Amino acid sequence: MKINGRDKWRMYLAMKKNKKLSKYLVDTKRWSKENFDLMLSKYKSIVVKPNKGLKARDIYFIAEKEKGYEIQIYDRKYFFIKREEVYSFMKSKIRQATYIIQKRISMAKIDGRPFDIRVIIQRKSLSSPWTATAYKIRVAKEGRMVTNASKGGTILTYKVAMNMCNIPNHIKKNLLAHIKEVSILASKTLGPYYHNQRLFGIDIGIKEDGSLHIFEINRRPLLKGFSKLQQKRIRRFIRRK
């Protein structure tokens, strides 16, 4: 089977077939009234985003509160008393587009702001092993949920981020090796679905307890935000055939 383009739902289904990888996936459903009610009832806090979205555009964070519901997109927040009102609001925004619903993960933080990690995984040829060639930490802008630099996020090196974050020191010891291992496993799993694919950008959320959660996979990740040395290494792999 081949996956056409940026299809997060099909990527999720493909990765879910791998039992070793499935435990790192964030529970995901296609957008529908039934799935909206199911996911919000089950998790109380969910993320609704375009199935083929780019650069964290149009991502909605929905949470059940003590007296109603809150929706946040970028810096804007909306409050509703009834769940039906939340659904009607989202339906008016989504219209005919294809969206997915994910469980919201409570991520580790730096200065109270959530962060995640982008890992670049490459192979020199289609028969070569996958290798982690670069990684960067992305910290959300204060008051926002998304970490992308295009939405005000801050880029940090892994070392600096680990010195600043709220993950306990004993967990940090083997964390990077685990992140690379999971990223390579995801690339190995998705590789056969994309002919001639030699590069992936893996976005992984990290909880305070060190558990890892794959948010999504990018087929053409931007190099912006990586160090000059990392960019040089990435391009060296790209040039190899």
C-alpha atoms as a PDB file:
ATOM      1  CA  MET A   1       0.000   0.000   0.000  1.00  0.00           C
ATOM      2  CA  LYS A   2       1.132   3.542  -0.756  1.00  0.00           C
ATOM      3  CA  ILE A   3       0.119   6.646   1.188  1.00  0.00           C
ATOM      4  CA  ASN A   4      -0.427   9.689  -0.995  1.00  0.00           C
ATOM      5  CA  GLY A   5       0.967  12.945   0.320  1.00  0.00           C
ATOM      6  CA  ARG A   6       0.495  14.298   3.828  1.00  0.00           C
ATOM      7  CA  ASP A   7      -2.250  12.093   5.225  1.00  0.00           C
ATOM      8  CA  LYS A   8      -1.975  11.973   9.016  1.00  0.00           C
ATOM      9  CA  TRP A   9      -4.856   9.560   9.412  1.00  0.00           C
ATOM     10  CA  ARG A  10      -3.394   6.961   7.033  1.00  0.00           C
ATOM     11  CA  MET A  11       0.040   7.403   8.613  1.00  0.00           C
ATOM     12  CA  TYR A  12      -1.509   6.711  12.005  1.00  0.00           C
ATOM     13  CA  LEU A  13      -3.227   3.548  10.728  1.00  0.00           C
ATOM     14  CA  ALA A  14       0.013   2.345   9.128  1.00  0.00           C
ATOM     15  CA  MET A  15       2.037   2.891  12.312  1.00  0.00           C
ATOM     16  CA  LYS A  16      -0.640   1.329  14.484  1.00  0.00           C
ATOM     17  CA  LYS A  17      -0.095  -1.997  12.711  1.00  0.00           C
ATOM     18  CA  ASN A  18       3.347  -2.187  14.323  1.00  0.00           C
ATOM     19  CA  LYS A  19       2.737  -3.458  17.861  1.00  0.00           C
ATOM     20  CA  LYS A  20       6.101  -2.185  19.101  1.00  0.00           C
ATOM     21  CA  LEU A  21       5.308   1.306  17.800  1.00  0.00           C
ATOM     22  CA  SER A  22       1.602   1.520  18.628  1.00  0.00           C
ATOM     23  CA  LYS A  23       2.185   2.223  22.327  1.00  0.00           C
ATOM     24  CA  TYR A  24       3.886   5.500  21.382  1.00  0.00           C
ATOM     25  CA  LEU A  25       1.011   6.734  19.239  1.00  0.00           C
ATOM     26  CA  VAL A  26      -1.479   9.326  20.440  1.00  0.00           C
ATOM     27  CA  ASP A  27      -5.024   7.941  20.264  1.00  0.00           C
ATOM     28  CA  THR A  28      -6.494   9.349  17.038  1.00  0.00           C
ATOM     29  CA  LYS A  29      -9.906   9.288  15.345  1.00  0.00           C
ATOM     30  CA  ARG A  30     -11.331  10.852  12.214  1.00  0.00           C
ATOM     31  CA  TRP A  31     -13.542  13.869  12.796  1.00  0.00           C
ATOM     32  CA  SER A  32     -17.223  13.042  13.209  1.00  0.00           C
ATOM     33  CA  LYS A  33     -19.959  13.855  15.717  1.00  0.00           C
ATOM     34  CA  GLU A  34     -19.731  10.360  17.171  1.00  0.00           C
ATOM     35  CA  ASN A  35     -15.939  10.474  17.542  1.00  0.00           C
ATOM     36  CA  PHE A  36     -16.032  14.011  18.940  1.00  0.00           C
ATOM     37  CA  ASP A  37     -18.387  12.892  21.729  1.00  0.00           C
ATOM     38  CA  LEU A  38     -16.427   9.695  22.314  1.00  0.00           C
ATOM     39  CA  MET A  39     -12.997  11.343  22.588  1.00  0.00           C
ATOM     40  CA  LEU A  40     -14.131  14.299  24.697  1.00  0.00           C
ATOM     41  CA  SER A  41     -16.025  12.014  27.097  1.00  0.00           C
ATOM     42  CA  LYS A  42     -13.049   9.683  27.394  1.00  0.00           C
ATOM     43  CA  TYR A  43     -10.187  12.185  27.741  1.00  0.00           C
ATOM     44  CA  LYS A  44     -11.820  15.518  28.757  1.00  0.00           C
ATOM     45  CA  SER A  45      -9.132  17.291  26.722  1.00  0.00           C
ATOM     46  CA  ILE A  46      -8.590  16.783  22.972  1.00  0.00           C
ATOM     47  CA  VAL A  47      -6.882  18.296  19.938  1.00  0.00           C
ATOM     48  CA  VAL A  48      -8.701  18.764  16.625  1.00  0.00           C
ATOM     49  CA  LYS A  49      -6.511  19.455  13.597  1.00  0.00           C
ATOM     50  CA  PRO A  50      -6.488  19.250   9.785  1.00  0.00           C
ATOM     51  CA  ASN A  51      -5.613  15.835   8.418  1.00  0.00           C
ATOM     52  CA  LYS A  52      -3.263  17.413   5.888  1.00  0.00           C
ATOM     53  CA  GLY A  53      -2.370  20.566   7.802  1.00  0.00           C
ATOM     54  CA  LEU A  54       0.970  22.386   7.792  1.00  0.00           C
ATOM     55  CA  LYS A  55       2.848  24.597  10.264  1.00  0.00           C
ATOM     56  CA  ALA A  56       0.337  24.150  13.112  1.00  0.00           C
ATOM     57  CA  ARG A  57      -2.413  25.996  11.244  1.00  0.00           C
ATOM     58  CA  ASP A  58      -6.020  25.673  12.437  1.00  0.00           C
ATOM     59  CA  ILE A  59      -5.296  23.433  15.426  1.00  0.00           C
ATOM     60  CA  TYR A  60      -8.007  23.579  18.106  1.00  0.00           C
ATOM     61  CA  PHE A  61      -7.507  22.559  21.743  1.00  0.00           C
ATOM     62  CA  ILE A  62     -10.780  21.621  23.440  1.00  0.00           C
ATOM     63  CA  ALA A  63     -11.055  20.992  27.172  1.00  0.00           C
ATOM     64  CA  GLU A  64     -13.934  20.213  29.504  1.00  0.00           C
ATOM     65  CA  LYS A  65     -13.968  22.666  32.407  1.00  0.00           C
ATOM     66  CA  GLU A  66     -15.871  22.792  35.704  1.00  0.00           C
ATOM     67  CA  LYS A  67     -18.649  24.885  34.175  1.00  0.00           C
ATOM     68  CA  GLY A  68     -18.533  24.226  30.460  1.00  0.00           C
ATOM     69  CA  TYR A  69     -15.935  23.928  27.726  1.00  0.00           C
ATOM     70  CA  GLU A  70     -12.973  25.922  26.468  1.00  0.00           C
ATOM     71  CA  ILE A  71     -11.641  26.022  22.909  1.00  0.00           C
ATOM     72  CA  GLN A  72      -8.249  27.571  22.210  1.00  0.00           C
ATOM     73  CA  ILE A  73      -6.697  28.322  18.824  1.00  0.00           C
ATOM     74  CA  TYR A  74      -3.480  30.349  18.823  1.00  0.00           C
ATOM     75  CA  ASP A  75      -4.069  33.097  21.443  1.00  0.00           C
ATOM     76  CA  ARG A  76      -7.853  33.078  21.145  1.00  0.00           C
ATOM     77  CA  LYS A  77     -10.135  31.318  23.592  1.00  0.00           C
ATOM     78  CA  TYR A  78     -13.841  30.561  23.336  1.00  0.00           C
ATOM     79  CA  PHE A  79     -16.124  29.391  26.139  1.00  0.00           C
ATOM     80  CA  PHE A  80     -19.319  27.366  25.834  1.00  0.00           C
ATOM     81  CA  ILE A  81     -21.725  25.941  28.394  1.00  0.00           C
ATOM     82  CA  LYS A  82     -23.022  22.993  26.393  1.00  0.00           C
ATOM     83  CA  ARG A  83     -21.105  20.371  24.439  1.00  0.00           C
ATOM     84  CA  GLU A  84     -23.533  20.730  21.550  1.00  0.00           C
ATOM     85  CA  GLU A  85     -22.447  24.348  21.232  1.00  0.00           C
ATOM     86  CA  VAL A  86     -18.816  23.241  21.021  1.00  0.00           C
ATOM     87  CA  TYR A  87     -19.630  20.780  18.274  1.00  0.00           C
ATOM     88  CA  SER A  88     -21.621  23.392  16.306  1.00  0.00           C
ATOM     89  CA  PHE A  89     -18.729  25.860  16.584  1.00  0.00           C
ATOM     90  CA  MET A  90     -16.200  23.288  15.373  1.00  0.00           C
ATOM     91  CA  LYS A  91     -18.472  22.149  12.551  1.00  0.00           C
ATOM     92  CA  SER A  92     -18.723  25.742  11.321  1.00  0.00           C
ATOM     93  CA  LYS A  93     -14.908  25.986  11.271  1.00  0.00           C
ATOM     94  CA  ILE A  94     -14.189  22.609   9.720  1.00  0.00           C
ATOM     95  CA  ARG A  95     -16.918  22.654   7.044  1.00  0.00           C
ATOM     96  CA  GLN A  96     -15.997  20.161   4.321  1.00  0.00           C
ATOM     97  CA  ALA A  97     -12.316  19.761   5.267  1.00  0.00           C
ATOM     98  CA  THR A  98     -10.929  16.492   6.626  1.00  0.00           C
ATOM     99  CA  TYR A  99      -9.891  16.724  10.284  1.00  0.00           C
ATOM    100  CA  ILE A 100      -8.671  14.320  12.940  1.00  0.00           C
ATOM    101  CA  ILE A 101      -9.166  14.229  16.712  1.00  0.00           C
ATOM    102  CA  GLN A 102      -6.359  13.320  19.097  1.00  0.00           C
ATOM    103  CA  LYS A 103      -6.077  12.840  22.812  1.00  0.00           C
ATOM    104  CA  ARG A 104      -4.308  15.855  24.268  1.00  0.00           C
ATOM    105  CA  ILE A 105      -1.015  14.967  25.945  1.00  0.00           C
ATOM    106  CA  SER A 106       0.105  16.887  29.029  1.00  0.00           C
ATOM    107  CA  MET A 107       3.648  17.659  27.945  1.00  0.00           C
ATOM    108  CA  ALA A 108       6.747  18.450  29.981  1.00  0.00           C
ATOM    109  CA  LYS A 109       7.404  22.167  30.359  1.00  0.00           C
ATOM    110  CA  ILE A 110      10.076  24.840  30.358  1.00  0.00           C
ATOM    111  CA  ASP A 111       9.139  27.916  32.375  1.00  0.00           C
ATOM    112  CA  GLY A 112       5.534  26.714  32.343  1.00  0.00           C
ATOM    113  CA  ARG A 113       5.461  26.360  28.542  1.00  0.00           C
ATOM    114  CA  PRO A 114       4.997  22.957  26.838  1.00  0.00           C
ATOM    115  CA  PHE A 115       7.717  21.672  24.518  1.00  0.00           C
ATOM    116  CA  ASP A 116       8.285  18.829  22.086  1.00  0.00           C
ATOM    117  CA  ILE A 117      11.159  17.525  19.979  1.00  0.00           C
ATOM    118  CA  ARG A 118      11.597  17.350  16.191  1.00  0.00           C
ATOM    119  CA  VAL A 119      13.906  14.528  15.115  1.00  0.00           C
ATOM    120  CA  ILE A 120      15.295  14.214  11.593  1.00  0.00           C
ATOM    121  CA  ILE A 121      15.672  10.604  10.490  1.00  0.00           C
ATOM    122  CA  GLN A 122      17.487   9.813   7.223  1.00  0.00           C
ATOM    123  CA  ARG A 123      19.060   7.035   5.210  1.00  0.00           C
ATOM    124  CA  LYS A 124      21.797   7.368   2.602  1.00  0.00           C
ATOM    125  CA  SER A 125      20.053   5.027   0.160  1.00  0.00           C
ATOM    126  CA  LEU A 126      16.850   2.980   0.092  1.00  0.00           C
ATOM    127  CA  SER A 127      18.834  -0.044   1.304  1.00  0.00           C
ATOM    128  CA  SER A 128      20.736   1.835   4.034  1.00  0.00           C
ATOM    129  CA  PRO A 129      19.687   1.864   7.709  1.00  0.00           C
ATOM    130  CA  TRP A 130      17.750   4.821   9.093  1.00  0.00           C
ATOM    131  CA  THR A 131      19.825   7.219  11.208  1.00  0.00           C
ATOM    132  CA  ALA A 132      18.971  10.148  13.502  1.00  0.00           C
ATOM    133  CA  THR A 133      20.914  13.057  11.968  1.00  0.00           C
ATOM    134  CA  ALA A 134      19.499  16.056  13.871  1.00  0.00           C
ATOM    135  CA  TYR A 135      17.081  17.082  16.604  1.00  0.00           C
ATOM    136  CA  LYS A 136      15.803  20.286  18.181  1.00  0.00           C
ATOM    137  CA  ILE A 137      13.508  21.239  21.034  1.00  0.00           C
ATOM    138  CA  ARG A 138      10.528  23.478  20.264  1.00  0.00           C
ATOM    139  CA  VAL A 139       8.984  25.453  23.132  1.00  0.00           C
ATOM    140  CA  ALA A 140       5.529  27.002  22.817  1.00  0.00           C
ATOM    141  CA  LYS A 141       5.087  30.752  23.090  1.00  0.00           C
ATOM    142  CA  GLU A 142       3.695  31.813  26.466  1.00  0.00           C
ATOM    143  CA  GLY A 143      -0.067  31.318  26.484  1.00  0.00           C
ATOM    144  CA  ARG A 144      -0.056  29.066  23.421  1.00  0.00           C
ATOM    145  CA  MET A 145      -0.237  25.290  22.964  1.00  0.00           C
ATOM    146  CA  VAL A 146       1.548  24.737  19.638  1.00  0.00           C
ATOM    147  CA  THR A 147       5.348  24.705  19.584  1.00  0.00           C
ATOM    148  CA  ASN A 148       6.075  25.600  15.942  1.00  0.00           C
ATOM    149  CA  ALA A 149       8.411  28.536  15.395  1.00  0.00           C
ATOM    150  CA  SER A 150       5.974  29.850  12.776  1.00  0.00           C
ATOM    151  CA  LYS A 151       3.461  30.282  15.612  1.00  0.00           C
ATOM    152  CA  GLY A 152       5.845  32.029  18.000  1.00  0.00           C
ATOM    153  CA  GLY A 153       7.645  28.976  19.391  1.00  0.00           C
ATOM    154  CA  THR A 154      11.258  29.077  20.567  1.00  0.00           C
ATOM    155  CA  ILE A 155      13.993  26.709  19.385  1.00  0.00           C
ATOM    156  CA  LEU A 156      16.482  25.303  21.919  1.00  0.00           C
ATOM    157  CA  THR A 157      19.228  22.729  21.748  1.00  0.00           C
ATOM    158  CA  TYR A 158      18.477  19.452  23.481  1.00  0.00           C
ATOM    159  CA  LYS A 159      21.142  20.034  26.129  1.00  0.00           C
ATOM    160  CA  VAL A 160      19.891  23.498  27.047  1.00  0.00           C
ATOM    161  CA  ALA A 161      16.279  22.295  27.153  1.00  0.00           C
ATOM    162  CA  MET A 162      17.083  19.396  29.452  1.00  0.00           C
ATOM    163  CA  ASN A 163      18.822  21.776  31.867  1.00  0.00           C
ATOM    164  CA  MET A 164      15.712  23.955  31.996  1.00  0.00           C
ATOM    165  CA  CYS A 165      12.774  21.516  31.867  1.00  0.00           C
ATOM    166  CA  ASN A 166      10.780  19.843  34.646  1.00  0.00           C
ATOM    167  CA  ILE A 167      11.730  16.262  33.745  1.00  0.00           C
ATOM    168  CA  PRO A 168      13.525  14.602  36.701  1.00  0.00           C
ATOM    169  CA  ASN A 169      17.277  14.101  36.230  1.00  0.00           C
ATOM    170  CA  HIS A 170      17.180  10.324  36.624  1.00  0.00           C
ATOM    171  CA  ILE A 171      14.756  10.106  33.670  1.00  0.00           C
ATOM    172  CA  LYS A 172      16.871  12.345  31.412  1.00  0.00           C
ATOM    173  CA  LYS A 173      19.818   9.923  31.475  1.00  0.00           C
ATOM    174  CA  ASN A 174      18.644   7.583  28.684  1.00  0.00           C
ATOM    175  CA  LEU A 175      15.902   9.786  27.238  1.00  0.00           C
ATOM    176  CA  LEU A 176      17.634  10.896  24.035  1.00  0.00           C
ATOM    177  CA  ALA A 177      18.609   7.335  23.105  1.00  0.00           C
ATOM    178  CA  HIS A 178      14.985   6.296  23.607  1.00  0.00           C
ATOM    179  CA  ILE A 179      13.744   9.200  21.449  1.00  0.00           C
ATOM    180  CA  LYS A 180      16.099   8.194  18.621  1.00  0.00           C
ATOM    181  CA  GLU A 181      15.049   4.547  18.921  1.00  0.00           C
ATOM    182  CA  VAL A 182      11.341   5.388  18.650  1.00  0.00           C
ATOM    183  CA  SER A 183      11.947   7.810  15.763  1.00  0.00           C
ATOM    184  CA  ILE A 184      13.887   5.208  13.793  1.00  0.00           C
ATOM    185  CA  LEU A 185      11.180   2.614  14.471  1.00  0.00           C
ATOM    186  CA  ALA A 186       8.547   5.025  13.100  1.00  0.00           C
ATOM    187  CA  SER A 187      10.650   5.638   9.971  1.00  0.00           C
ATOM    188  CA  LYS A 188      11.184   1.921   9.396  1.00  0.00           C
ATOM    189  CA  THR A 189       7.433   1.395   9.713  1.00  0.00           C
ATOM    190  CA  LEU A 190       6.395   4.197   7.348  1.00  0.00           C
ATOM    191  CA  GLY A 191       9.231   3.799   4.831  1.00  0.00           C
ATOM    192  CA  PRO A 192       7.540   1.068   2.755  1.00  0.00           C
ATOM    193  CA  TYR A 193       4.423   3.235   2.329  1.00  0.00           C
ATOM    194  CA  TYR A 194       6.386   6.028   0.623  1.00  0.00           C
ATOM    195  CA  HIS A 195       8.413   5.011  -2.413  1.00  0.00           C
ATOM    196  CA  ASN A 196      11.896   6.550  -2.531  1.00  0.00           C
ATOM    197  CA  GLN A 197      11.493   8.210   0.876  1.00  0.00           C
ATOM    198  CA  ARG A 198      14.832   8.838   2.579  1.00  0.00           C
ATOM    199  CA  LEU A 199      13.941  11.517   5.115  1.00  0.00           C
ATOM    200  CA  PHE A 200      11.322  11.993   7.839  1.00  0.00           C
ATOM    201  CA  GLY A 201      10.783  14.634  10.513  1.00  0.00           C
ATOM    202  CA  ILE A 202       9.297  13.034  13.628  1.00  0.00           C
ATOM    203  CA  ASP A 203       7.453  15.252  16.133  1.00  0.00           C
ATOM    204  CA  ILE A 204       7.418  13.690  19.599  1.00  0.00           C
ATOM    205  CA  GLY A 205       5.823  14.941  22.787  1.00  0.00           C
ATOM    206  CA  ILE A 206       7.556  14.159  26.073  1.00  0.00           C
ATOM    207  CA  LYS A 207       5.660  13.941  29.354  1.00  0.00           C
ATOM    208  CA  GLU A 208       7.214  14.848  32.681  1.00  0.00           C
ATOM    209  CA  ASP A 209       7.592  11.136  33.468  1.00  0.00           C
ATOM    210  CA  GLY A 210       9.691  10.690  30.294  1.00  0.00           C
ATOM    211  CA  SER A 211       7.045   8.810  28.301  1.00  0.00           C
ATOM    212  CA  LEU A 212       7.074   9.522  24.562  1.00  0.00           C
ATOM    213  CA  HIS A 213       4.142  10.237  22.268  1.00  0.00           C
ATOM    214  CA  ILE A 214       4.368  10.577  18.483  1.00  0.00           C
ATOM    215  CA  PHE A 215       2.288  13.552  17.353  1.00  0.00           C
ATOM    216  CA  GLU A 216       2.913  13.343  13.626  1.00  0.00           C
ATOM    217  CA  ILE A 217       5.409  12.577  10.870  1.00  0.00           C
ATOM    218  CA  ASN A 218       6.622  15.050   8.251  1.00  0.00           C
ATOM    219  CA  ARG A 219       7.864  13.920   4.839  1.00  0.00           C
ATOM    220  CA  ARG A 220       9.485  17.232   3.923  1.00  0.00           C
ATOM    221  CA  PRO A 221      10.552  18.873   7.207  1.00  0.00           C
ATOM    222  CA  LEU A 222      12.099  22.337   7.057  1.00  0.00           C
ATOM    223  CA  LEU A 223      15.714  22.729   8.154  1.00  0.00           C
ATOM    224  CA  LYS A 224      15.126  26.103   9.811  1.00  0.00           C
ATOM    225  CA  GLY A 225      15.988  26.073  13.507  1.00  0.00           C
ATOM    226  CA  PHE A 226      18.661  23.401  13.298  1.00  0.00           C
ATOM    227  CA  SER A 227      22.286  24.378  13.905  1.00  0.00           C
ATOM    228  CA  LYS A 228      24.599  24.959  10.928  1.00  0.00           C
ATOM    229  CA  LEU A 229      26.413  21.741  11.761  1.00  0.00           C
ATOM    230  CA  GLN A 230      23.154  19.775  11.846  1.00  0.00           C
ATOM    231  CA  GLN A 231      21.962  21.324   8.578  1.00  0.00           C
ATOM    232  CA  LYS A 232      25.261  20.390   6.947  1.00  0.00           C
ATOM    233  CA  ARG A 233      24.859  16.793   8.062  1.00  0.00           C
ATOM    234  CA  ILE A 234      21.240  16.639   6.857  1.00  0.00           C
ATOM    235  CA  ARG A 235      22.167  17.982   3.417  1.00  0.00           C
ATOM    236  CA  ARG A 236      25.076  15.544   3.152  1.00  0.00           C
ATOM    237  CA  PHE A 237      22.600  12.680   3.568  1.00  0.00           C
ATOM    238  CA  ILE A 238      20.182  14.259   1.066  1.00  0.00           C
ATOM    239  CA  ARG A 239      22.889  14.424  -1.612  1.00  0.00           C
ATOM    240  CA  ARG A 240      23.733  10.715  -1.221  1.00  0.00           C
ATOM    241  CA  LYS A 241      21.960   8.343  -3.577  1.00  0.00           C
END
